[in-house]
Amino acid sequence: YGLGAIAMTGGSFSRPVYSASWPSGEFGAMGLEGAVHLGFKKELEAVKTEGEREILFNKLLNAMYERGKATEAASFLEIDAVIDPADTRKVIIQALGKKQ
C-alpha cells in the first residue's frame, strides 16, 4: 500500500523495470480499512445505528477490496502482470534480462 508500492517499483509507477504481483496482491493508497474510515467519514457518521453503519462500512470495504485486487491494478496498467507464485523465479530472471 501507499509508499511501499512506489518503493517496490523503483520510485515510480511511470518508469519501473518490471512490476508483477501474485493473484493475492492488494493495491491501494493505504490500508483499505483506514481508507474507508477516512474517505467515507461523513457517510458513515450520517448513518444512525451502529448496525447499519457496520453494514455500510463492510459494503464500502468490499468495494475497495475489489478495486484493489492485483488483476484490477494490472488492467489499469499499474503493474505489468499478475503471475503464478510458482513462476516467480522465472519471471524475475526474465525481467532482469538474464538467461535461465
Protein backbone atom coordinates (compact mmCIF):
# COMPACT_ATOMS: atom_id res chain seq x y z
CA TYR A 1 0.00 0.00 0.00
CA GLY A 2 0.97 3.62 -0.45
CA LEU A 3 4.65 4.42 -0.48
CA GLY A 4 5.54 0.74 -0.15
CA ALA A 5 4.12 0.15 -3.62
CA ILE A 6 6.10 3.06 -5.03
CA ALA A 7 9.30 1.78 -3.40
CA MET A 8 8.79 -1.66 -4.89
CA THR A 9 8.56 -0.18 -8.40
CA GLY A 10 11.80 1.75 -8.10
CA GLY A 11 10.24 5.02 -7.00
CA SER A 12 7.71 5.45 -9.79
CA PHE A 13 4.89 3.59 -11.49
CA SER A 14 5.88 5.56 -14.62
CA ARG A 15 9.32 4.01 -15.14
CA PRO A 16 9.79 0.70 -13.31
CA VAL A 17 11.87 -2.02 -14.95
CA TYR A 18 9.10 -4.54 -14.41
CA SER A 19 6.37 -4.89 -11.82
CA ALA A 20 4.34 -8.01 -11.15
CA SER A 21 2.07 -9.33 -8.46
CA TRP A 22 0.77 -12.64 -7.28
CA PRO A 23 -3.02 -13.02 -7.59
CA SER A 24 -3.35 -12.37 -3.85
CA GLY A 25 -1.75 -8.91 -4.17
CA GLU A 26 -3.68 -5.86 -2.99
CA PHE A 27 -3.12 -2.28 -4.08
CA GLY A 28 -4.24 0.99 -2.56
CA ALA A 29 -3.04 4.31 -1.22
CA MET A 30 -3.23 2.98 2.34
CA GLY A 31 -4.72 0.09 4.28
CA LEU A 32 -8.21 -0.33 2.92
CA GLU A 33 -9.99 -0.28 6.29
CA GLY A 34 -8.37 3.06 7.11
CA ALA A 35 -9.16 4.37 3.65
CA VAL A 36 -12.86 3.60 4.15
CA HIS A 37 -12.90 5.22 7.61
CA LEU A 38 -11.23 8.38 6.28
CA GLY A 39 -12.69 8.57 2.78
CA PHE A 40 -16.28 7.90 3.79
CA LYS A 41 -16.26 9.51 7.23
CA LYS A 42 -19.25 11.79 6.58
CA GLU A 43 -21.31 8.99 5.04
CA LEU A 44 -20.56 6.65 7.94
CA GLU A 45 -21.32 9.31 10.56
CA ALA A 46 -24.65 10.06 8.86
CA VAL A 47 -25.90 6.52 9.49
CA LYS A 48 -28.00 6.45 12.66
CA THR A 49 -27.43 2.99 14.12
CA GLU A 50 -24.20 1.11 14.75
CA GLY A 51 -25.55 -1.97 12.95
CA GLU A 52 -26.42 -0.01 9.81
CA ARG A 53 -23.07 1.79 9.99
CA GLU A 54 -21.27 -1.56 10.11
CA ILE A 55 -23.26 -2.81 7.11
CA LEU A 56 -22.34 0.31 5.12
CA PHE A 57 -18.69 0.07 6.21
CA ASN A 58 -18.49 -3.56 5.07
CA LYS A 59 -20.16 -2.73 1.75
CA LEU A 60 -17.68 0.10 1.10
CA LEU A 61 -14.75 -2.04 2.25
CA ASN A 62 -15.72 -4.90 -0.07
CA ALA A 63 -15.89 -2.45 -2.98
CA MET A 64 -12.39 -1.17 -2.10
CA TYR A 65 -11.04 -4.73 -1.96
CA GLU A 66 -12.49 -5.40 -5.41
CA ARG A 67 -10.83 -2.26 -6.83
CA GLY A 68 -7.57 -3.08 -5.03
CA LYS A 69 -7.08 -6.58 -6.45
CA ALA A 70 -3.93 -7.29 -8.42
CA THR A 71 -5.96 -8.10 -11.53
CA GLU A 72 -7.57 -4.65 -11.35
CA ALA A 73 -4.17 -2.95 -10.96
CA ALA A 74 -2.89 -4.86 -13.98
CA SER A 75 -5.94 -3.93 -16.04
CA PHE A 76 -5.20 -0.24 -15.46
CA LEU A 77 -1.52 -0.77 -16.37
CA GLU A 78 -0.34 -0.01 -12.84
CA ILE A 79 1.61 -3.29 -12.89
CA ASP A 80 2.88 -5.35 -15.81
CA ALA A 81 1.47 -8.73 -14.88
CA VAL A 82 -0.26 -10.95 -12.37
CA ILE A 83 1.84 -14.10 -12.13
CA ASP A 84 1.52 -17.57 -10.68
CA PRO A 85 3.62 -17.68 -7.48
CA ALA A 86 5.30 -20.84 -8.81
CA ASP A 87 6.68 -18.79 -11.73
CA THR A 88 8.22 -16.04 -9.58
CA ARG A 89 11.86 -17.06 -10.01
CA LYS A 90 11.50 -17.43 -13.79
CA VAL A 91 9.75 -14.05 -14.09
CA ILE A 92 12.41 -12.26 -12.03
CA ILE A 93 15.20 -13.77 -14.13
CA GLN A 94 13.42 -12.75 -17.34
CA ALA A 95 12.75 -9.24 -16.03
CA LEU A 96 16.41 -8.78 -15.19
CA GLY A 97 17.33 -9.90 -18.69
CA LYS A 98 19.38 -12.90 -17.62
CA LYS A 99 19.39 -16.32 -19.24
CA GLN A 100 17.93 -19.21 -17.31
